[in-house]
Structures are given as structure tokens and as C-alpha cells.
Amino acid sequence: MSSPSKRREMDFMKLMMSDYKVETINDGMQEFYVEFHGPKDSLYQGGVWKVRVELPDAYPYKSPSIGFVTKIYHPNVDEMSGSVCLDVINQTWSPMFDLLNVFDVFLPQLLLYPNPSDPLNGEAAALMMRDRAGYEQKVKGNCWFVFDLHFFFHALVHTDQATILFLNINFCVISLFDSCKLFCGKGQASCIIEYMNELSSTSRFTSLWYC
């Protein structure tokens, strides 16, 4: 086994044994998903995102490919592809870094300190520089709130419809508000969103914000 292969296996196992939830693709170690939580004291605190990682054959001498699968509104993340603009990953990567650095340090820093001067999402960058309050509202407003949605929808609609709604939201096909509005009407949908936001502030529920 070559040195890069050994290092790839070691770093992957370290990530698997950490607190991060890792889902392999095709049962391999070169492509996988990681569940990433928004850092404390950021606009993204409380959020959970699915991040795709692809390790090149030359890893760790070549940086991993990192992309958000779950939609996120951020100046340095392409809104459509999920590609990340981060110097330490794209330009200044070093073999001294490992996968835990990516999720413990690099991505949290990205969400804590957006760089609007080097954007992949020009709209988000412009809004951040022009109207900070509006930007913060847009970040939060472009998120879907999820807490055991499948169970929740069972209380509103037929079982089959609940399953369809849950899948559509989970894969970012439709927002939670639009889903509720579709079956419950606009007025009730607004009440549902307000109620769910209130529940998320209590310790009785685990809340996930999917952007």
C-alpha cells in the first residue's frame, strides 16, 4: 500500500471515530458524506448540512474536494453546485492538514467569517456588504426547519402525502413553508412555521436547519 493510501485510510478512520456522522459512497473511502453542524456564535448556529467529500488519489498532497449538498446561503459557497471557495482547501493546502481539520477548523471558520471580496455567490456577497441586517435575515430566511418532519406531517395530512412532503423538503425540492401552504393554506402555514420555531428553542426537540 502506497504512502498516500495509508494516510487516506488513517485520516478517514479518524473521521469515522470522531463525533461526525459519516456516510460512505459505494462503500469506499474516497467519496463520502459528512454531517456538519453550524458553528456556535455564527448565523448558522443550530444548522446541519450534508457535505460531500472526495479524496483524490494524491491525498494528502492534494486537497480534498469539498461541497455542500444541502443548500446554504453564503458568499463563499456556490448556491447551485455547493462548491466552496476557501484558500486553505483550494490553494494553500498542506499534507500537515487532515480531514478533521476541515470540519473542526476550516469550515467553521468559513461560516464564522465570510469573505465577500472573493465570492462564489455574488448576490450574497453584495447583500452582505450593502445591507448586513438584510443579509443576516436572508441567511436565516433561506433555511428549512426540520424536526422529525415525517412524524409532524402525519398529524396534518394523509400518510402517503406526508412521505412525499418529507422527501421533497429533505432533498430541498420545496421549502417547509411552501409544503405546508400546499396542503394547509397560507395562513395555517405561517402559524405552523411560527410554532415550529418556538419549539426549536426548547430542549424537548432536536432541530435541524436545512439550507
C-alpha atoms as a PDB file:
ATOM      1  CA  MET A   1       0.000   0.000   0.000  1.00  0.00           C
ATOM      2  CA  SER A   2       1.434   3.373  -1.006  1.00  0.00           C
ATOM      3  CA  SER A   3       2.033   6.171   1.472  1.00  0.00           C
ATOM      4  CA  PRO A   4      -0.901   8.311   0.221  1.00  0.00           C
ATOM      5  CA  SER A   5      -3.206   5.296   0.518  1.00  0.00           C
ATOM      6  CA  LYS A   6      -2.117   4.652   4.103  1.00  0.00           C
ATOM      7  CA  ARG A   7      -2.601   8.273   5.025  1.00  0.00           C
ATOM      8  CA  ARG A   8      -6.002   8.390   3.332  1.00  0.00           C
ATOM      9  CA  GLU A   9      -7.140   5.335   5.278  1.00  0.00           C
ATOM     10  CA  MET A  10      -5.805   6.709   8.562  1.00  0.00           C
ATOM     11  CA  ASP A  11      -7.464  10.109   8.138  1.00  0.00           C
ATOM     12  CA  PHE A  12     -10.739   8.528   7.085  1.00  0.00           C
ATOM     13  CA  MET A  13     -10.766   6.259  10.140  1.00  0.00           C
ATOM     14  CA  LYS A  14     -10.027   9.226  12.424  1.00  0.00           C
ATOM     15  CA  LEU A  15     -13.032  10.999  10.964  1.00  0.00           C
ATOM     16  CA  MET A  16     -15.204   7.891  11.340  1.00  0.00           C
ATOM     17  CA  MET A  17     -14.233   7.575  15.010  1.00  0.00           C
ATOM     18  CA  SER A  18     -14.980  11.236  15.709  1.00  0.00           C
ATOM     19  CA  ASP A  19     -18.357  12.720  16.618  1.00  0.00           C
ATOM     20  CA  TYR A  20     -19.159  13.400  12.959  1.00  0.00           C
ATOM     21  CA  LYS A  21     -21.729  11.275  11.184  1.00  0.00           C
ATOM     22  CA  VAL A  22     -20.085   9.841   8.047  1.00  0.00           C
ATOM     23  CA  GLU A  23     -21.876   8.078   5.192  1.00  0.00           C
ATOM     24  CA  THR A  24     -19.728   6.342   2.586  1.00  0.00           C
ATOM     25  CA  ILE A  25     -20.497   6.351  -1.134  1.00  0.00           C
ATOM     26  CA  ASN A  26     -20.147   2.980  -2.867  1.00  0.00           C
ATOM     27  CA  ASP A  27     -18.646   1.566   0.344  1.00  0.00           C
ATOM     28  CA  GLY A  28     -15.312   3.259  -0.301  1.00  0.00           C
ATOM     29  CA  MET A  29     -13.074   5.727   1.496  1.00  0.00           C
ATOM     30  CA  GLN A  30     -12.575   8.180  -1.357  1.00  0.00           C
ATOM     31  CA  GLU A  31     -16.106   9.589  -1.542  1.00  0.00           C
ATOM     32  CA  PHE A  32     -18.407  10.121   1.406  1.00  0.00           C
ATOM     33  CA  TYR A  33     -20.838  12.477   3.104  1.00  0.00           C
ATOM     34  CA  VAL A  34     -20.305  14.189   6.452  1.00  0.00           C
ATOM     35  CA  GLU A  35     -22.983  15.739   8.640  1.00  0.00           C
ATOM     36  CA  PHE A  36     -21.686  19.205   9.512  1.00  0.00           C
ATOM     37  CA  HIS A  37     -23.172  21.399  12.242  1.00  0.00           C
ATOM     38  CA  GLY A  38     -23.052  25.174  12.057  1.00  0.00           C
ATOM     39  CA  PRO A  39     -20.538  26.699  14.495  1.00  0.00           C
ATOM     40  CA  LYS A  40     -21.571  28.355  17.730  1.00  0.00           C
ATOM     41  CA  ASP A  41     -21.994  32.148  17.676  1.00  0.00           C
ATOM     42  CA  SER A  42     -22.487  32.215  13.911  1.00  0.00           C
ATOM     43  CA  LEU A  43     -25.572  32.911  11.803  1.00  0.00           C
ATOM     44  CA  TYR A  44     -25.545  29.200  11.061  1.00  0.00           C
ATOM     45  CA  GLN A  45     -25.615  28.006  14.665  1.00  0.00           C
ATOM     46  CA  GLY A  46     -28.108  25.165  15.068  1.00  0.00           C
ATOM     47  CA  GLY A  47     -27.922  24.276  11.395  1.00  0.00           C
ATOM     48  CA  VAL A  48     -26.964  20.908   9.967  1.00  0.00           C
ATOM     49  CA  TRP A  49     -25.607  20.400   6.451  1.00  0.00           C
ATOM     50  CA  LYS A  50     -24.716  17.409   4.371  1.00  0.00           C
ATOM     51  CA  VAL A  51     -21.211  17.899   2.949  1.00  0.00           C
ATOM     52  CA  ARG A  52     -19.749  15.751   0.198  1.00  0.00           C
ATOM     53  CA  VAL A  53     -16.047  14.905   0.400  1.00  0.00           C
ATOM     54  CA  GLU A  54     -13.980  13.428  -2.406  1.00  0.00           C
ATOM     55  CA  LEU A  55     -10.375  12.427  -1.771  1.00  0.00           C
ATOM     56  CA  PRO A  56      -8.048  12.478  -4.791  1.00  0.00           C
ATOM     57  CA  ASP A  57      -5.541   9.681  -5.330  1.00  0.00           C
ATOM     58  CA  ALA A  58      -2.756  12.076  -4.326  1.00  0.00           C
ATOM     59  CA  TYR A  59      -4.325  12.959  -0.959  1.00  0.00           C
ATOM     60  CA  PRO A  60      -2.907  14.298   1.382  1.00  0.00           C
ATOM     61  CA  TYR A  61      -0.542  16.009  -1.065  1.00  0.00           C
ATOM     62  CA  LYS A  62      -3.581  17.257  -2.951  1.00  0.00           C
ATOM     63  CA  SER A  63      -6.535  18.787  -1.133  1.00  0.00           C
ATOM     64  CA  PRO A  64      -9.907  17.057  -0.768  1.00  0.00           C
ATOM     65  CA  SER A  65     -12.854  18.265  -2.826  1.00  0.00           C
ATOM     66  CA  ILE A  66     -15.482  19.741  -0.513  1.00  0.00           C
ATOM     67  CA  GLY A  67     -19.038  20.678  -1.450  1.00  0.00           C
ATOM     68  CA  PHE A  68     -22.289  21.401   0.363  1.00  0.00           C
ATOM     69  CA  VAL A  69     -25.032  19.026  -0.740  1.00  0.00           C
ATOM     70  CA  THR A  70     -27.628  20.760   1.390  1.00  0.00           C
ATOM     71  CA  LYS A  71     -28.323  24.279   0.164  1.00  0.00           C
ATOM     72  CA  ILE A  72     -26.618  27.085   2.090  1.00  0.00           C
ATOM     73  CA  TYR A  73     -26.696  30.872   1.587  1.00  0.00           C
ATOM     74  CA  HIS A  74     -23.106  32.107   1.944  1.00  0.00           C
ATOM     75  CA  PRO A  75     -20.859  34.449  -0.101  1.00  0.00           C
ATOM     76  CA  ASN A  76     -18.142  31.801  -0.483  1.00  0.00           C
ATOM     77  CA  VAL A  77     -20.352  28.852  -1.395  1.00  0.00           C
ATOM     78  CA  ASP A  78     -21.843  28.444  -4.858  1.00  0.00           C
ATOM     79  CA  GLU A  79     -25.591  28.302  -4.315  1.00  0.00           C
ATOM     80  CA  MET A  80     -26.213  25.839  -7.140  1.00  0.00           C
ATOM     81  CA  SER A  81     -23.237  23.454  -7.008  1.00  0.00           C
ATOM     82  CA  GLY A  82     -22.306  23.778  -3.322  1.00  0.00           C
ATOM     83  CA  SER A  83     -18.646  24.365  -4.230  1.00  0.00           C
ATOM     84  CA  VAL A  84     -16.591  26.073  -1.537  1.00  0.00           C
ATOM     85  CA  CYS A  85     -14.193  28.978  -2.029  1.00  0.00           C
ATOM     86  CA  LEU A  86     -11.655  28.579   0.762  1.00  0.00           C
ATOM     87  CA  ASP A  87      -7.949  29.290   0.294  1.00  0.00           C
ATOM     88  CA  VAL A  88      -6.756  26.685   2.778  1.00  0.00           C
ATOM     89  CA  ILE A  89      -8.549  23.989   0.778  1.00  0.00           C
ATOM     90  CA  ASN A  90      -8.187  25.329  -2.750  1.00  0.00           C
ATOM     91  CA  GLN A  91      -4.743  26.963  -2.730  1.00  0.00           C
ATOM     92  CA  THR A  92      -2.710  26.643   0.465  1.00  0.00           C
ATOM     93  CA  TRP A  93      -3.480  23.041   1.395  1.00  0.00           C
ATOM     94  CA  SER A  94      -0.649  21.165   3.100  1.00  0.00           C
ATOM     95  CA  PRO A  95      -0.120  17.452   3.903  1.00  0.00           C
ATOM     96  CA  MET A  96       0.054  18.582   7.524  1.00  0.00           C
ATOM     97  CA  PHE A  97      -3.706  19.073   7.410  1.00  0.00           C
ATOM     98  CA  ASP A  98      -6.203  16.247   7.709  1.00  0.00           C
ATOM     99  CA  LEU A  99      -9.950  15.690   7.367  1.00  0.00           C
ATOM    100  CA  LEU A 100     -10.656  16.609  10.968  1.00  0.00           C
ATOM    101  CA  ASN A 101      -9.044  19.998  10.325  1.00  0.00           C
ATOM    102  CA  VAL A 102     -11.550  20.554   7.531  1.00  0.00           C
ATOM    103  CA  PHE A 103     -14.571  20.026   9.772  1.00  0.00           C
ATOM    104  CA  ASP A 104     -13.161  21.187  13.110  1.00  0.00           C
ATOM    105  CA  VAL A 105     -11.461  24.350  11.848  1.00  0.00           C
ATOM    106  CA  PHE A 106     -11.727  25.283   8.167  1.00  0.00           C
ATOM    107  CA  LEU A 107     -15.480  25.020   7.555  1.00  0.00           C
ATOM    108  CA  PRO A 108     -16.393  26.580  10.927  1.00  0.00           C
ATOM    109  CA  GLN A 109     -14.069  29.498  10.103  1.00  0.00           C
ATOM    110  CA  LEU A 110     -15.740  29.827   6.704  1.00  0.00           C
ATOM    111  CA  LEU A 111     -19.175  30.187   8.286  1.00  0.00           C
ATOM    112  CA  LEU A 112     -17.955  32.439  11.084  1.00  0.00           C
ATOM    113  CA  TYR A 113     -16.014  34.805   8.826  1.00  0.00           C
ATOM    114  CA  PRO A 114     -17.449  35.062   5.291  1.00  0.00           C
ATOM    115  CA  ASN A 115     -15.229  36.827   2.752  1.00  0.00           C
ATOM    116  CA  PRO A 116     -17.424  38.897   0.404  1.00  0.00           C
ATOM    117  CA  SER A 117     -14.373  40.137  -1.536  1.00  0.00           C
ATOM    118  CA  ASP A 118     -13.816  36.684  -3.057  1.00  0.00           C
ATOM    119  CA  PRO A 119     -17.344  35.380  -3.670  1.00  0.00           C
ATOM    120  CA  LEU A 120     -18.861  32.361  -5.340  1.00  0.00           C
ATOM    121  CA  ASN A 121     -22.313  33.716  -4.566  1.00  0.00           C
ATOM    122  CA  GLY A 122     -22.193  37.289  -5.840  1.00  0.00           C
ATOM    123  CA  GLU A 123     -25.687  38.127  -4.631  1.00  0.00           C
ATOM    124  CA  ALA A 124     -24.898  37.071  -1.064  1.00  0.00           C
ATOM    125  CA  ALA A 125     -21.592  38.967  -1.108  1.00  0.00           C
ATOM    126  CA  ALA A 126     -23.191  42.167  -2.406  1.00  0.00           C
ATOM    127  CA  LEU A 127     -26.010  41.977   0.127  1.00  0.00           C
ATOM    128  CA  MET A 128     -23.572  41.357   2.973  1.00  0.00           C
ATOM    129  CA  MET A 129     -21.545  44.466   2.094  1.00  0.00           C
ATOM    130  CA  ARG A 130     -24.559  46.651   1.335  1.00  0.00           C
ATOM    131  CA  ASP A 131     -27.058  45.609   3.984  1.00  0.00           C
ATOM    132  CA  ARG A 132     -25.747  43.452   6.814  1.00  0.00           C
ATOM    133  CA  ALA A 133     -29.116  43.167   8.547  1.00  0.00           C
ATOM    134  CA  GLY A 134     -30.761  42.172   5.280  1.00  0.00           C
ATOM    135  CA  TYR A 135     -28.037  39.617   4.664  1.00  0.00           C
ATOM    136  CA  GLU A 136     -28.499  38.037   8.079  1.00  0.00           C
ATOM    137  CA  GLN A 137     -32.236  37.853   7.508  1.00  0.00           C
ATOM    138  CA  LYS A 138     -31.686  36.249   4.103  1.00  0.00           C
ATOM    139  CA  VAL A 139     -29.349  33.632   5.576  1.00  0.00           C
ATOM    140  CA  LYS A 140     -31.986  32.579   8.078  1.00  0.00           C
ATOM    141  CA  GLY A 141     -34.884  33.021   5.674  1.00  0.00           C
ATOM    142  CA  ASN A 142     -33.345  30.687   3.112  1.00  0.00           C
ATOM    143  CA  CYS A 143     -33.367  27.775   5.532  1.00  0.00           C
ATOM    144  CA  TRP A 144     -35.799  24.945   6.034  1.00  0.00           C
ATOM    145  CA  PHE A 145     -36.650  23.941   9.589  1.00  0.00           C
ATOM    146  CA  VAL A 146     -36.780  20.202  10.163  1.00  0.00           C
ATOM    147  CA  PHE A 147     -37.532  18.272  13.336  1.00  0.00           C
ATOM    148  CA  ASP A 148     -38.948  14.816  12.830  1.00  0.00           C
ATOM    149  CA  LEU A 149     -40.904  16.246   9.916  1.00  0.00           C
ATOM    150  CA  HIS A 150     -42.235  12.914   8.783  1.00  0.00           C
ATOM    151  CA  PHE A 151     -43.932  12.414  12.152  1.00  0.00           C
ATOM    152  CA  PHE A 152     -45.150  16.018  12.159  1.00  0.00           C
ATOM    153  CA  PHE A 153     -46.764  15.795   8.726  1.00  0.00           C
ATOM    154  CA  HIS A 154     -48.626  12.648   9.719  1.00  0.00           C
ATOM    155  CA  ALA A 155     -50.623  14.882  12.054  1.00  0.00           C
ATOM    156  CA  LEU A 156     -51.567  17.175   9.165  1.00  0.00           C
ATOM    157  CA  VAL A 157     -52.142  15.078   6.088  1.00  0.00           C
ATOM    158  CA  HIS A 158     -52.532  11.548   4.763  1.00  0.00           C
ATOM    159  CA  THR A 159     -49.606   9.158   5.326  1.00  0.00           C
ATOM    160  CA  ASP A 160     -48.637   8.999   1.635  1.00  0.00           C
ATOM    161  CA  GLN A 161     -48.707  12.796   1.337  1.00  0.00           C
ATOM    162  CA  ALA A 162     -46.607  13.110   4.494  1.00  0.00           C
ATOM    163  CA  THR A 163     -43.948  10.870   2.974  1.00  0.00           C
ATOM    164  CA  ILE A 164     -43.876  12.877  -0.262  1.00  0.00           C
ATOM    165  CA  LEU A 165     -43.634  16.171   1.628  1.00  0.00           C
ATOM    166  CA  PHE A 166     -40.830  14.906   3.840  1.00  0.00           C
ATOM    167  CA  LEU A 167     -38.794  13.646   0.878  1.00  0.00           C
ATOM    168  CA  ASN A 168     -39.331  16.863  -1.089  1.00  0.00           C
ATOM    169  CA  ILE A 169     -38.141  19.004   1.813  1.00  0.00           C
ATOM    170  CA  ASN A 170     -35.259  16.748   2.779  1.00  0.00           C
ATOM    171  CA  PHE A 171     -33.881  16.959  -0.756  1.00  0.00           C
ATOM    172  CA  CYS A 172     -34.549  20.716  -0.993  1.00  0.00           C
ATOM    173  CA  VAL A 173     -37.171  20.366  -3.740  1.00  0.00           C
ATOM    174  CA  ILE A 174     -39.628  22.535  -1.832  1.00  0.00           C
ATOM    175  CA  SER A 175     -39.452  24.648   1.316  1.00  0.00           C
ATOM    176  CA  LEU A 176     -41.281  23.767   4.505  1.00  0.00           C
ATOM    177  CA  PHE A 177     -43.481  26.863   4.191  1.00  0.00           C
ATOM    178  CA  ASP A 178     -44.477  26.015   0.616  1.00  0.00           C
ATOM    179  CA  SER A 179     -45.191  22.435   1.641  1.00  0.00           C
ATOM    180  CA  CYS A 180     -47.476  23.490   4.472  1.00  0.00           C
ATOM    181  CA  LYS A 181     -49.138  26.102   2.278  1.00  0.00           C
ATOM    182  CA  LEU A 182     -49.790  23.483  -0.384  1.00  0.00           C
ATOM    183  CA  PHE A 183     -51.851  21.321   1.941  1.00  0.00           C
ATOM    184  CA  CYS A 184     -52.937  23.681   4.717  1.00  0.00           C
ATOM    185  CA  GLY A 185     -53.237  27.141   3.188  1.00  0.00           C
ATOM    186  CA  LYS A 186     -51.009  30.191   3.588  1.00  0.00           C
ATOM    187  CA  GLY A 187     -52.430  31.342   6.927  1.00  0.00           C
ATOM    188  CA  GLN A 188     -52.065  27.988   8.645  1.00  0.00           C
ATOM    189  CA  ALA A 189     -48.622  27.508   7.099  1.00  0.00           C
ATOM    190  CA  SER A 190     -47.418  30.728   8.756  1.00  0.00           C
ATOM    191  CA  CYS A 191     -48.766  29.540  12.108  1.00  0.00           C
ATOM    192  CA  ILE A 192     -47.036  26.180  11.673  1.00  0.00           C
ATOM    193  CA  ILE A 193     -43.679  27.826  10.931  1.00  0.00           C
ATOM    194  CA  GLU A 194     -44.035  30.124  13.948  1.00  0.00           C
ATOM    195  CA  TYR A 195     -44.976  27.181  16.162  1.00  0.00           C
ATOM    196  CA  MET A 196     -42.056  25.068  14.962  1.00  0.00           C
ATOM    197  CA  ASN A 197     -39.602  27.924  15.513  1.00  0.00           C
ATOM    198  CA  GLU A 198     -40.893  28.255  19.060  1.00  0.00           C
ATOM    199  CA  LEU A 199     -40.475  24.527  19.640  1.00  0.00           C
ATOM    200  CA  SER A 200     -36.907  24.659  18.363  1.00  0.00           C
ATOM    201  CA  SER A 201     -35.931  26.937  21.254  1.00  0.00           C
ATOM    202  CA  THR A 202     -36.929  24.287  23.796  1.00  0.00           C
ATOM    203  CA  SER A 203     -34.895  21.280  24.858  1.00  0.00           C
ATOM    204  CA  ARG A 204     -37.714  18.872  24.011  1.00  0.00           C
ATOM    205  CA  PHE A 205     -36.883  18.768  20.323  1.00  0.00           C
ATOM    206  CA  THR A 206     -33.799  18.286  18.206  1.00  0.00           C
ATOM    207  CA  SER A 207     -33.893  20.913  15.476  1.00  0.00           C
ATOM    208  CA  LEU A 208     -32.221  20.854  12.087  1.00  0.00           C
ATOM    209  CA  TRP A 209     -31.985  23.779   9.695  1.00  0.00           C
ATOM    210  CA  TYR A 210     -31.562  22.598   6.125  1.00  0.00           C
ATOM    211  CA  CYS A 211     -30.487  25.371   3.750  1.00  0.00           C
END
